[in-house]
Amino acid sequence: MTLSRRGLLGAGLALPALLCPCQAFAEQFAGTYRPRAEPVAEGIWLVRGVDEPIAFANGGAIANTAILATAEGPVLFDAGVSLAHGQALAALAKSLTGKPVARVFISHLHPDHAMGAAAFDPAMIHALPATRADLERDGEGFSDAMYRLLADWMKNTHVALPQGDLAQGALTVGGRPLRLLALKGHSGGDLAVLDETTGTLIAGDLVFHNRAPSTPHADLPAWRASLDTLTAIPHRALIPGHGPLDTSGQGIAQTRDWLGWVEDTLRRAVNTGLDMTEAGEMPIPDRFAALKSARYELQRSVSHFYPALEAELLPRTSP
């Protein structure tokens, strides 16, 4: 019989110490997600992720989740990174509203937002068609990466594909009127939701607030267009994909500023002959001093954009 790594973790099996020097650590693992909810508007709570890269120490719980109370039951906007994380968010939502989760909206494909959908019936998980397609393409790869990074935190987690049935326009859930926005730029499909009753805009990873944006699937012109769309929507508060609640509009401006700076800086780096390591060590302007994970995300963006920029700006001079 052949056992996969996931199978071993899921079944909680322990290999002999000769084969697995980390046995003692695995046996002692007792990690537990303890999400906390911050009320931000009537019937809406923000569950903050930590402003760090995904790591074993934080269980991958780095993304924000929004909980919206409705007569049908609470709606989760993003479900966390693992089965256990999604279960903890579901329990928190029930404790706040007295009802089990009725629907789960997945904003986009990235695992810190989407993998926790494993905790829910697939019939209640909803996303844009582009997000479902992205997860069909990349979900298993993300799952493998999360198991490598997070190990026991990921026990029994599987890729749960959302319905892919959401579209731009009005949607009422349990008497709560919502406006769905089908956007893109951070990924191939980025869902945002405006709660019409309170004027709370839930932006997903189109907006990072006091945290440097991540760019693994970014289309920068499309992202800027989506930021224009969000800017034009009147709202009282904005829940970003990462970072604290924004009541001033700062998050959208920060995100736009960072993306523009990264693009311009990497173009200059290529034109001046810097290699990727040197580009990742370029000075970060003082205006970004408050952004968490700035150096980390700059270096990631170098890996995401540099090969294409070199191909564009340094064309071959020989056949």
C-alpha atoms as a PDB file:
ATOM      1  CA  MET A   1       0.000   0.000   0.000  1.00  0.00           C
ATOM      2  CA  THR A   2       1.295   3.477  -0.877  1.00  0.00           C
ATOM      3  CA  LEU A   3       0.494   6.309   1.530  1.00  0.00           C
ATOM      4  CA  SER A   4       0.528   9.911   0.343  1.00  0.00           C
ATOM      5  CA  ARG A   5       1.759  12.723   2.546  1.00  0.00           C
ATOM      6  CA  ARG A   6      -1.781  14.050   2.814  1.00  0.00           C
ATOM      7  CA  GLY A   7      -3.058  10.636   3.735  1.00  0.00           C
ATOM      8  CA  LEU A   8      -0.563  10.382   6.564  1.00  0.00           C
ATOM      9  CA  LEU A   9      -1.501  13.787   7.918  1.00  0.00           C
ATOM     10  CA  GLY A  10      -5.200  13.222   7.491  1.00  0.00           C
ATOM     11  CA  ALA A  11      -5.146   9.895   9.307  1.00  0.00           C
ATOM     12  CA  GLY A  12      -2.836  11.200  12.014  1.00  0.00           C
ATOM     13  CA  LEU A  13      -0.399   8.291  11.506  1.00  0.00           C
ATOM     14  CA  ALA A  14       3.041   8.394  13.091  1.00  0.00           C
ATOM     15  CA  LEU A  15       6.086   6.942  11.323  1.00  0.00           C
ATOM     16  CA  PRO A  16       8.935   5.429  13.308  1.00  0.00           C
ATOM     17  CA  ALA A  17      11.511   7.922  14.486  1.00  0.00           C
ATOM     18  CA  LEU A  18      14.084   6.361  12.165  1.00  0.00           C
ATOM     19  CA  LEU A  19      12.002   7.399   9.157  1.00  0.00           C
ATOM     20  CA  CYS A  20      10.598  10.648  10.589  1.00  0.00           C
ATOM     21  CA  PRO A  21      12.876  12.582  12.971  1.00  0.00           C
ATOM     22  CA  CYS A  22      10.021  15.051  13.520  1.00  0.00           C
ATOM     23  CA  GLN A  23       7.772  12.402  15.113  1.00  0.00           C
ATOM     24  CA  ALA A  24       7.935  13.914  18.588  1.00  0.00           C
ATOM     25  CA  PHE A  25       6.943  17.320  17.218  1.00  0.00           C
ATOM     26  CA  ALA A  26       4.062  15.857  15.187  1.00  0.00           C
ATOM     27  CA  GLU A  27       2.731  13.990  18.212  1.00  0.00           C
ATOM     28  CA  GLN A  28       2.771  17.164  20.280  1.00  0.00           C
ATOM     29  CA  PHE A  29       1.072  19.366  17.699  1.00  0.00           C
ATOM     30  CA  ALA A  30      -1.964  21.022  19.254  1.00  0.00           C
ATOM     31  CA  GLY A  31      -2.475  24.040  17.037  1.00  0.00           C
ATOM     32  CA  THR A  32      -5.932  25.591  17.264  1.00  0.00           C
ATOM     33  CA  TYR A  33      -7.428  28.468  15.337  1.00  0.00           C
ATOM     34  CA  ARG A  34      -8.990  31.067  17.611  1.00  0.00           C
ATOM     35  CA  PRO A  35     -10.531  33.686  15.297  1.00  0.00           C
ATOM     36  CA  ARG A  36     -11.968  36.811  16.885  1.00  0.00           C
ATOM     37  CA  ALA A  37     -14.664  39.037  15.449  1.00  0.00           C
ATOM     38  CA  GLU A  38     -14.669  42.827  15.419  1.00  0.00           C
ATOM     39  CA  PRO A  39     -18.081  44.457  14.837  1.00  0.00           C
ATOM     40  CA  VAL A  40     -17.719  47.034  12.064  1.00  0.00           C
ATOM     41  CA  ALA A  41     -21.334  47.801  11.093  1.00  0.00           C
ATOM     42  CA  GLU A  42     -24.816  46.593  11.941  1.00  0.00           C
ATOM     43  CA  GLY A  43     -24.792  42.833  11.423  1.00  0.00           C
ATOM     44  CA  ILE A  44     -21.236  42.781   9.985  1.00  0.00           C
ATOM     45  CA  TRP A  45     -18.071  41.560  11.657  1.00  0.00           C
ATOM     46  CA  LEU A  46     -14.461  41.585  10.521  1.00  0.00           C
ATOM     47  CA  VAL A  47     -12.239  38.636  11.410  1.00  0.00           C
ATOM     48  CA  ARG A  48      -8.662  39.860  11.028  1.00  0.00           C
ATOM     49  CA  GLY A  49      -5.870  37.783   9.632  1.00  0.00           C
ATOM     50  CA  VAL A  50      -2.359  38.349  10.891  1.00  0.00           C
ATOM     51  CA  ASP A  51      -0.317  40.747   8.764  1.00  0.00           C
ATOM     52  CA  GLU A  52       2.394  38.225   7.944  1.00  0.00           C
ATOM     53  CA  PRO A  53       3.346  35.786   5.196  1.00  0.00           C
ATOM     54  CA  ILE A  54       1.841  32.301   5.441  1.00  0.00           C
ATOM     55  CA  ALA A  55       3.878  30.276   7.929  1.00  0.00           C
ATOM     56  CA  PHE A  56       3.509  27.300  10.218  1.00  0.00           C
ATOM     57  CA  ALA A  57       3.646  29.613  13.254  1.00  0.00           C
ATOM     58  CA  ASN A  58       0.446  31.427  12.209  1.00  0.00           C
ATOM     59  CA  GLY A  59      -1.362  28.428  10.726  1.00  0.00           C
ATOM     60  CA  GLY A  60      -1.768  30.342   7.472  1.00  0.00           C
ATOM     61  CA  ALA A  61      -4.524  32.493   9.021  1.00  0.00           C
ATOM     62  CA  ILE A  62      -3.398  35.678   7.309  1.00  0.00           C
ATOM     63  CA  ALA A  63      -6.468  36.731   5.296  1.00  0.00           C
ATOM     64  CA  ASN A  64      -9.454  38.707   6.525  1.00  0.00           C
ATOM     65  CA  THR A  65     -12.927  37.184   6.642  1.00  0.00           C
ATOM     66  CA  ALA A  66     -16.201  39.117   6.831  1.00  0.00           C
ATOM     67  CA  ILE A  67     -19.331  37.744   8.508  1.00  0.00           C
ATOM     68  CA  LEU A  68     -22.720  39.166   7.493  1.00  0.00           C
ATOM     69  CA  ALA A  69     -25.842  38.349   9.478  1.00  0.00           C
ATOM     70  CA  THR A  70     -28.983  37.547   7.479  1.00  0.00           C
ATOM     71  CA  ALA A  71     -32.362  36.003   8.274  1.00  0.00           C
ATOM     72  CA  GLU A  72     -31.260  32.938   6.305  1.00  0.00           C
ATOM     73  CA  GLY A  73     -28.098  32.588   8.394  1.00  0.00           C
ATOM     74  CA  PRO A  74     -24.682  34.233   8.286  1.00  0.00           C
ATOM     75  CA  VAL A  75     -22.757  34.725   5.055  1.00  0.00           C
ATOM     76  CA  LEU A  76     -18.997  34.210   5.166  1.00  0.00           C
ATOM     77  CA  PHE A  77     -16.908  36.270   2.765  1.00  0.00           C
ATOM     78  CA  ASP A  78     -13.816  34.069   2.452  1.00  0.00           C
ATOM     79  CA  ALA A  79     -13.339  30.873   4.407  1.00  0.00           C
ATOM     80  CA  GLY A  80      -9.739  30.744   5.567  1.00  0.00           C
ATOM     81  CA  VAL A  81      -6.852  28.469   4.655  1.00  0.00           C
ATOM     82  CA  SER A  82      -7.764  24.982   5.903  1.00  0.00           C
ATOM     83  CA  LEU A  83     -10.583  22.707   6.972  1.00  0.00           C
ATOM     84  CA  ALA A  84      -9.938  23.491  10.639  1.00  0.00           C
ATOM     85  CA  HIS A  85      -9.794  27.220   9.915  1.00  0.00           C
ATOM     86  CA  GLY A  86     -13.092  27.117   8.036  1.00  0.00           C
ATOM     87  CA  GLN A  87     -14.666  25.135  10.883  1.00  0.00           C
ATOM     88  CA  ALA A  88     -13.469  27.706  13.417  1.00  0.00           C
ATOM     89  CA  LEU A  89     -14.899  30.547  11.332  1.00  0.00           C
ATOM     90  CA  ALA A  90     -18.204  28.694  11.003  1.00  0.00           C
ATOM     91  CA  ALA A  91     -18.390  28.219  14.774  1.00  0.00           C
ATOM     92  CA  LEU A  92     -17.612  31.883  15.336  1.00  0.00           C
ATOM     93  CA  ALA A  93     -20.313  32.979  12.878  1.00  0.00           C
ATOM     94  CA  LYS A  94     -22.886  30.764  14.604  1.00  0.00           C
ATOM     95  CA  SER A  95     -21.935  32.118  18.024  1.00  0.00           C
ATOM     96  CA  LEU A  96     -22.455  35.677  16.761  1.00  0.00           C
ATOM     97  CA  THR A  97     -25.761  35.139  14.947  1.00  0.00           C
ATOM     98  CA  GLY A  98     -27.314  32.076  16.551  1.00  0.00           C
ATOM     99  CA  LYS A  99     -27.569  30.374  13.158  1.00  0.00           C
ATOM    100  CA  PRO A 100     -25.310  28.104  11.107  1.00  0.00           C
ATOM    101  CA  VAL A 101     -23.556  29.540   8.064  1.00  0.00           C
ATOM    102  CA  ALA A 102     -25.975  29.795   5.137  1.00  0.00           C
ATOM    103  CA  ARG A 103     -23.599  30.768   2.330  1.00  0.00           C
ATOM    104  CA  VAL A 104     -19.895  31.128   1.689  1.00  0.00           C
ATOM    105  CA  PHE A 105     -18.527  33.597  -0.854  1.00  0.00           C
ATOM    106  CA  ILE A 106     -14.969  33.004  -2.073  1.00  0.00           C
ATOM    107  CA  SER A 107     -13.369  36.204  -3.320  1.00  0.00           C
ATOM    108  CA  HIS A 108     -10.607  34.633  -5.441  1.00  0.00           C
ATOM    109  CA  LEU A 109      -8.376  31.590  -5.855  1.00  0.00           C
ATOM    110  CA  HIS A 110      -5.592  32.156  -3.331  1.00  0.00           C
ATOM    111  CA  PRO A 111      -5.424  29.469  -0.627  1.00  0.00           C
ATOM    112  CA  ASP A 112      -5.501  31.772   2.410  1.00  0.00           C
ATOM    113  CA  HIS A 113      -9.005  32.767   1.252  1.00  0.00           C
ATOM    114  CA  ALA A 114     -10.282  29.640  -0.478  1.00  0.00           C
ATOM    115  CA  MET A 115      -8.994  26.404   1.060  1.00  0.00           C
ATOM    116  CA  GLY A 116     -11.187  26.705   4.179  1.00  0.00           C
ATOM    117  CA  ALA A 117     -14.192  26.071   1.923  1.00  0.00           C
ATOM    118  CA  ALA A 118     -13.477  22.386   2.649  1.00  0.00           C
ATOM    119  CA  ALA A 119     -15.454  22.894   5.879  1.00  0.00           C
ATOM    120  CA  PHE A 120     -18.723  23.482   4.000  1.00  0.00           C
ATOM    121  CA  ASP A 121     -21.212  21.709   1.769  1.00  0.00           C
ATOM    122  CA  PRO A 122     -20.147  22.492  -1.829  1.00  0.00           C
ATOM    123  CA  ALA A 123     -23.726  23.558  -2.608  1.00  0.00           C
ATOM    124  CA  MET A 124     -23.356  26.573  -0.314  1.00  0.00           C
ATOM    125  CA  ILE A 125     -19.983  27.764  -1.660  1.00  0.00           C
ATOM    126  CA  HIS A 126     -20.245  30.494  -4.292  1.00  0.00           C
ATOM    127  CA  ALA A 127     -17.764  32.445  -6.416  1.00  0.00           C
ATOM    128  CA  LEU A 128     -17.328  34.070  -9.784  1.00  0.00           C
ATOM    129  CA  PRO A 129     -16.990  31.680 -12.756  1.00  0.00           C
ATOM    130  CA  ALA A 130     -13.409  32.875 -13.253  1.00  0.00           C
ATOM    131  CA  THR A 131     -12.537  31.924  -9.671  1.00  0.00           C
ATOM    132  CA  ARG A 132     -13.916  28.426 -10.096  1.00  0.00           C
ATOM    133  CA  ALA A 133     -11.886  28.060 -13.307  1.00  0.00           C
ATOM    134  CA  ASP A 134      -8.760  29.331 -11.539  1.00  0.00           C
ATOM    135  CA  LEU A 135      -9.229  26.795  -8.742  1.00  0.00           C
ATOM    136  CA  GLU A 136      -9.824  23.982 -11.212  1.00  0.00           C
ATOM    137  CA  ARG A 137      -6.483  24.886 -12.761  1.00  0.00           C
ATOM    138  CA  ASP A 138      -4.394  25.670  -9.663  1.00  0.00           C
ATOM    139  CA  GLY A 139      -6.230  24.299  -6.633  1.00  0.00           C
ATOM    140  CA  GLU A 140      -4.300  21.051  -6.288  1.00  0.00           C
ATOM    141  CA  GLY A 141      -0.990  22.866  -6.641  1.00  0.00           C
ATOM    142  CA  PHE A 142      -2.004  25.309  -3.924  1.00  0.00           C
ATOM    143  CA  SER A 143      -3.089  22.396  -1.748  1.00  0.00           C
ATOM    144  CA  ASP A 144       0.296  20.722  -2.121  1.00  0.00           C
ATOM    145  CA  ALA A 145       2.063  23.981  -1.241  1.00  0.00           C
ATOM    146  CA  MET A 146      -0.074  24.513   1.868  1.00  0.00           C
ATOM    147  CA  TYR A 147       0.551  20.975   3.096  1.00  0.00           C
ATOM    148  CA  ARG A 148       4.284  21.574   2.750  1.00  0.00           C
ATOM    149  CA  LEU A 149       4.137  24.910   4.599  1.00  0.00           C
ATOM    150  CA  LEU A 150       1.498  24.202   7.226  1.00  0.00           C
ATOM    151  CA  ALA A 151       1.687  20.432   7.764  1.00  0.00           C
ATOM    152  CA  ASP A 152      -0.727  19.395  10.548  1.00  0.00           C
ATOM    153  CA  TRP A 153      -2.778  22.591  10.249  1.00  0.00           C
ATOM    154  CA  MET A 154      -4.007  21.185   6.918  1.00  0.00           C
ATOM    155  CA  LYS A 155      -5.272  17.812   8.174  1.00  0.00           C
ATOM    156  CA  ASN A 156      -8.116  16.495   6.002  1.00  0.00           C
ATOM    157  CA  THR A 157      -8.247  19.679   3.910  1.00  0.00           C
ATOM    158  CA  HIS A 158      -9.201  19.189   0.266  1.00  0.00           C
ATOM    159  CA  VAL A 159      -9.948  21.504  -2.638  1.00  0.00           C
ATOM    160  CA  ALA A 160     -13.646  22.368  -2.472  1.00  0.00           C
ATOM    161  CA  LEU A 161     -14.686  23.975  -5.744  1.00  0.00           C
ATOM    162  CA  PRO A 162     -17.228  26.793  -5.454  1.00  0.00           C
ATOM    163  CA  GLN A 163     -20.316  26.833  -7.647  1.00  0.00           C
ATOM    164  CA  GLY A 164     -18.989  29.555  -9.946  1.00  0.00           C
ATOM    165  CA  ASP A 165     -22.503  30.966 -10.154  1.00  0.00           C
ATOM    166  CA  LEU A 166     -22.066  34.574  -9.030  1.00  0.00           C
ATOM    167  CA  ALA A 167     -22.416  37.515 -11.396  1.00  0.00           C
ATOM    168  CA  GLN A 168     -22.344  41.279 -11.224  1.00  0.00           C
ATOM    169  CA  GLY A 169     -25.530  42.792  -9.852  1.00  0.00           C
ATOM    170  CA  ALA A 170     -27.972  42.847  -6.973  1.00  0.00           C
ATOM    171  CA  LEU A 171     -28.450  39.850  -4.692  1.00  0.00           C
ATOM    172  CA  THR A 172     -30.575  39.639  -1.568  1.00  0.00           C
ATOM    173  CA  VAL A 173     -29.667  36.983   0.998  1.00  0.00           C
ATOM    174  CA  GLY A 174     -32.014  36.469   3.915  1.00  0.00           C
ATOM    175  CA  GLY A 175     -33.448  39.952   3.529  1.00  0.00           C
ATOM    176  CA  ARG A 176     -30.004  41.593   3.317  1.00  0.00           C
ATOM    177  CA  PRO A 177     -29.513  43.483   0.009  1.00  0.00           C
ATOM    178  CA  LEU A 178     -26.046  43.119  -1.465  1.00  0.00           C
ATOM    179  CA  ARG A 179     -24.398  44.425  -4.604  1.00  0.00           C
ATOM    180  CA  LEU A 180     -21.946  41.996  -6.170  1.00  0.00           C
ATOM    181  CA  LEU A 181     -19.004  43.329  -8.177  1.00  0.00           C
ATOM    182  CA  ALA A 182     -17.308  41.029 -10.677  1.00  0.00           C
ATOM    183  CA  LEU A 183     -13.796  42.464 -11.016  1.00  0.00           C
ATOM    184  CA  LYS A 184     -10.262  41.274 -11.733  1.00  0.00           C
ATOM    185  CA  GLY A 185      -6.630  42.307 -11.540  1.00  0.00           C
ATOM    186  CA  HIS A 186      -5.335  40.785  -8.330  1.00  0.00           C
ATOM    187  CA  SER A 187      -6.399  37.509  -9.944  1.00  0.00           C
ATOM    188  CA  GLY A 188      -8.432  36.394 -12.935  1.00  0.00           C
ATOM    189  CA  GLY A 189     -11.637  36.837 -10.938  1.00  0.00           C
ATOM    190  CA  ASP A 190     -12.003  39.124  -7.908  1.00  0.00           C
ATOM    191  CA  LEU A 191     -15.335  39.344  -6.125  1.00  0.00           C
ATOM    192  CA  ALA A 192     -16.206  42.424  -4.097  1.00  0.00           C
ATOM    193  CA  VAL A 193     -19.473  42.992  -2.238  1.00  0.00           C
ATOM    194  CA  LEU A 194     -21.221  46.183  -1.159  1.00  0.00           C
ATOM    195  CA  ASP A 195     -23.620  45.812   1.748  1.00  0.00           C
ATOM    196  CA  GLU A 196     -26.350  48.238   0.690  1.00  0.00           C
ATOM    197  CA  THR A 197     -27.778  48.660   4.204  1.00  0.00           C
ATOM    198  CA  THR A 198     -24.624  49.826   5.951  1.00  0.00           C
ATOM    199  CA  GLY A 199     -22.483  51.042   3.054  1.00  0.00           C
ATOM    200  CA  THR A 200     -19.741  48.545   3.910  1.00  0.00           C
ATOM    201  CA  LEU A 201     -17.600  47.573   0.934  1.00  0.00           C
ATOM    202  CA  ILE A 202     -15.913  44.172   1.199  1.00  0.00           C
ATOM    203  CA  ALA A 203     -13.062  44.333  -1.291  1.00  0.00           C
ATOM    204  CA  GLY A 204     -11.122  41.089  -0.949  1.00  0.00           C
ATOM    205  CA  ASP A 205      -7.524  41.266  -2.126  1.00  0.00           C
ATOM    206  CA  LEU A 206      -8.191  44.087  -4.544  1.00  0.00           C
ATOM    207  CA  VAL A 207      -7.371  46.268  -1.522  1.00  0.00           C
ATOM    208  CA  PHE A 208      -4.578  45.851   1.020  1.00  0.00           C
ATOM    209  CA  HIS A 209      -4.544  48.282   3.957  1.00  0.00           C
ATOM    210  CA  ASN A 210      -1.284  48.955   5.813  1.00  0.00           C
ATOM    211  CA  ARG A 211       0.033  45.722   4.289  1.00  0.00           C
ATOM    212  CA  ALA A 212       1.979  45.434   1.027  1.00  0.00           C
ATOM    213  CA  PRO A 213      -0.064  43.872  -1.808  1.00  0.00           C
ATOM    214  CA  SER A 214       0.793  40.429  -3.159  1.00  0.00           C
ATOM    215  CA  THR A 215       1.033  39.921  -6.916  1.00  0.00           C
ATOM    216  CA  PRO A 216       1.349  36.230  -7.920  1.00  0.00           C
ATOM    217  CA  HIS A 217      -1.478  36.434 -10.471  1.00  0.00           C
ATOM    218  CA  ALA A 218      -1.616  40.183 -10.939  1.00  0.00           C
ATOM    219  CA  ASP A 219      -2.661  42.000 -14.097  1.00  0.00           C
ATOM    220  CA  LEU A 220      -1.723  45.532 -13.107  1.00  0.00           C
ATOM    221  CA  PRO A 221      -3.777  47.499 -15.659  1.00  0.00           C
ATOM    222  CA  ALA A 222      -6.867  45.420 -14.794  1.00  0.00           C
ATOM    223  CA  TRP A 223      -6.172  45.860 -11.082  1.00  0.00           C
ATOM    224  CA  ARG A 224      -5.974  49.630 -11.462  1.00  0.00           C
ATOM    225  CA  ALA A 225      -9.262  49.620 -13.379  1.00  0.00           C
ATOM    226  CA  SER A 226     -10.878  47.658 -10.551  1.00  0.00           C
ATOM    227  CA  LEU A 227      -9.540  50.165  -8.025  1.00  0.00           C
ATOM    228  CA  ASP A 228     -11.155  52.919 -10.115  1.00  0.00           C
ATOM    229  CA  THR A 229     -14.441  51.044  -9.892  1.00  0.00           C
ATOM    230  CA  LEU A 230     -14.173  50.682  -6.113  1.00  0.00           C
ATOM    231  CA  THR A 231     -13.231  54.344  -5.697  1.00  0.00           C
ATOM    232  CA  ALA A 232     -16.375  55.385  -7.572  1.00  0.00           C
ATOM    233  CA  ILE A 233     -18.683  53.407  -5.246  1.00  0.00           C
ATOM    234  CA  PRO A 234     -19.854  55.466  -2.252  1.00  0.00           C
ATOM    235  CA  HIS A 235     -19.155  53.556   0.955  1.00  0.00           C
ATOM    236  CA  ARG A 236     -18.791  54.264   4.662  1.00  0.00           C
ATOM    237  CA  ALA A 237     -16.145  51.657   5.417  1.00  0.00           C
ATOM    238  CA  LEU A 238     -14.038  49.160   3.504  1.00  0.00           C
ATOM    239  CA  ILE A 239     -12.980  45.681   4.590  1.00  0.00           C
ATOM    240  CA  PRO A 240      -9.711  44.849   2.786  1.00  0.00           C
ATOM    241  CA  GLY A 241      -8.412  41.379   2.049  1.00  0.00           C
ATOM    242  CA  HIS A 242      -5.509  42.053   4.409  1.00  0.00           C
ATOM    243  CA  GLY A 243      -5.068  44.742   7.028  1.00  0.00           C
ATOM    244  CA  PRO A 244      -7.394  46.734   9.296  1.00  0.00           C
ATOM    245  CA  LEU A 245     -10.800  48.209   8.532  1.00  0.00           C
ATOM    246  CA  ASP A 246     -10.511  51.322   6.373  1.00  0.00           C
ATOM    247  CA  THR A 247     -12.859  54.243   7.007  1.00  0.00           C
ATOM    248  CA  SER A 248     -10.811  56.907   5.216  1.00  0.00           C
ATOM    249  CA  GLY A 249     -10.239  55.565   1.710  1.00  0.00           C
ATOM    250  CA  GLN A 250      -6.550  55.133   2.505  1.00  0.00           C
ATOM    251  CA  GLY A 251      -6.473  51.466   1.571  1.00  0.00           C
ATOM    252  CA  ILE A 252      -7.408  51.959  -2.073  1.00  0.00           C
ATOM    253  CA  ALA A 253      -4.889  54.796  -2.419  1.00  0.00           C
ATOM    254  CA  GLN A 254      -2.142  52.773  -0.711  1.00  0.00           C
ATOM    255  CA  THR A 255      -2.745  49.783  -2.939  1.00  0.00           C
ATOM    256  CA  ARG A 256      -2.651  51.887  -6.101  1.00  0.00           C
ATOM    257  CA  ASP A 257       0.486  53.718  -4.956  1.00  0.00           C
ATOM    258  CA  TRP A 258       2.364  50.511  -4.124  1.00  0.00           C
ATOM    259  CA  LEU A 259       1.481  48.806  -7.403  1.00  0.00           C
ATOM    260  CA  GLY A 260       2.563  51.842  -9.401  1.00  0.00           C
ATOM    261  CA  TRP A 261       5.815  52.122  -7.473  1.00  0.00           C
ATOM    262  CA  VAL A 262       6.618  48.420  -7.905  1.00  0.00           C
ATOM    263  CA  GLU A 263       5.975  48.541 -11.641  1.00  0.00           C
ATOM    264  CA  ASP A 264       8.030  51.695 -12.194  1.00  0.00           C
ATOM    265  CA  THR A 265      10.843  50.518  -9.915  1.00  0.00           C
ATOM    266  CA  LEU A 266      11.207  47.127 -11.548  1.00  0.00           C
ATOM    267  CA  ARG A 267      11.233  48.676 -15.010  1.00  0.00           C
ATOM    268  CA  ARG A 268      14.068  50.976 -13.920  1.00  0.00           C
ATOM    269  CA  ALA A 269      15.889  48.046 -12.344  1.00  0.00           C
ATOM    270  CA  VAL A 270      15.782  46.060 -15.587  1.00  0.00           C
ATOM    271  CA  ASN A 271      16.890  49.067 -17.631  1.00  0.00           C
ATOM    272  CA  THR A 272      19.859  49.698 -15.333  1.00  0.00           C
ATOM    273  CA  GLY A 273      20.989  46.080 -15.494  1.00  0.00           C
ATOM    274  CA  LEU A 274      20.150  44.918 -11.976  1.00  0.00           C
ATOM    275  CA  ASP A 275      19.671  41.208 -11.465  1.00  0.00           C
ATOM    276  CA  MET A 276      16.682  39.836  -9.566  1.00  0.00           C
ATOM    277  CA  THR A 277      18.492  39.680  -6.229  1.00  0.00           C
ATOM    278  CA  GLU A 278      19.639  43.270  -6.551  1.00  0.00           C
ATOM    279  CA  ALA A 279      16.155  44.412  -7.571  1.00  0.00           C
ATOM    280  CA  GLY A 280      14.651  42.770  -4.486  1.00  0.00           C
ATOM    281  CA  GLU A 281      17.040  44.739  -2.264  1.00  0.00           C
ATOM    282  CA  MET A 282      16.232  48.162  -3.717  1.00  0.00           C
ATOM    283  CA  PRO A 283      15.293  50.837  -1.150  1.00  0.00           C
ATOM    284  CA  ILE A 284      11.616  51.071  -0.224  1.00  0.00           C
ATOM    285  CA  PRO A 285      10.319  54.665   0.035  1.00  0.00           C
ATOM    286  CA  ASP A 286       9.570  56.096   3.457  1.00  0.00           C
ATOM    287  CA  ARG A 287       5.902  56.506   2.540  1.00  0.00           C
ATOM    288  CA  PHE A 288       5.572  52.722   2.666  1.00  0.00           C
ATOM    289  CA  ALA A 289       7.165  52.412   6.118  1.00  0.00           C
ATOM    290  CA  ALA A 290       3.823  51.490   7.708  1.00  0.00           C
ATOM    291  CA  LEU A 291       3.137  48.645   5.263  1.00  0.00           C
ATOM    292  CA  LYS A 292       3.671  45.207   6.772  1.00  0.00           C
ATOM    293  CA  SER A 293       5.625  42.632   4.731  1.00  0.00           C
ATOM    294  CA  ALA A 294       6.871  45.288   2.317  1.00  0.00           C
ATOM    295  CA  ARG A 295      10.306  43.765   1.657  1.00  0.00           C
ATOM    296  CA  TYR A 296       8.828  40.277   1.393  1.00  0.00           C
ATOM    297  CA  GLU A 297       6.228  41.362  -1.164  1.00  0.00           C
ATOM    298  CA  LEU A 298       8.713  43.417  -3.176  1.00  0.00           C
ATOM    299  CA  GLN A 299      10.923  40.347  -3.522  1.00  0.00           C
ATOM    300  CA  ARG A 300       7.948  38.200  -4.490  1.00  0.00           C
ATOM    301  CA  SER A 301       6.917  40.770  -7.098  1.00  0.00           C
ATOM    302  CA  VAL A 302      10.418  40.649  -8.558  1.00  0.00           C
ATOM    303  CA  SER A 303       9.955  36.928  -9.127  1.00  0.00           C
ATOM    304  CA  HIS A 304       6.483  37.498 -10.575  1.00  0.00           C
ATOM    305  CA  PHE A 305       7.318  40.309 -13.008  1.00  0.00           C
ATOM    306  CA  TYR A 306      11.049  40.314 -13.761  1.00  0.00           C
ATOM    307  CA  PRO A 307      11.257  37.635 -16.472  1.00  0.00           C
ATOM    308  CA  ALA A 308       8.520  39.291 -18.552  1.00  0.00           C
ATOM    309  CA  LEU A 309      10.022  42.746 -18.034  1.00  0.00           C
ATOM    310  CA  GLU A 310      13.451  41.507 -19.136  1.00  0.00           C
ATOM    311  CA  ALA A 311      11.914  39.943 -22.241  1.00  0.00           C
ATOM    312  CA  GLU A 312      10.142  43.228 -23.014  1.00  0.00           C
ATOM    313  CA  LEU A 313      12.899  45.699 -22.201  1.00  0.00           C
ATOM    314  CA  LEU A 314      16.010  43.707 -23.096  1.00  0.00           C
ATOM    315  CA  PRO A 315      15.245  42.178 -26.474  1.00  0.00           C
ATOM    316  CA  ARG A 316      17.688  39.715 -27.979  1.00  0.00           C
ATOM    317  CA  THR A 317      20.303  41.311 -30.218  1.00  0.00           C
ATOM    318  CA  SER A 318      21.429  38.117 -31.947  1.00  0.00           C
ATOM    319  CA  PRO A 319      19.486  35.541 -33.946  1.00  0.00           C
END
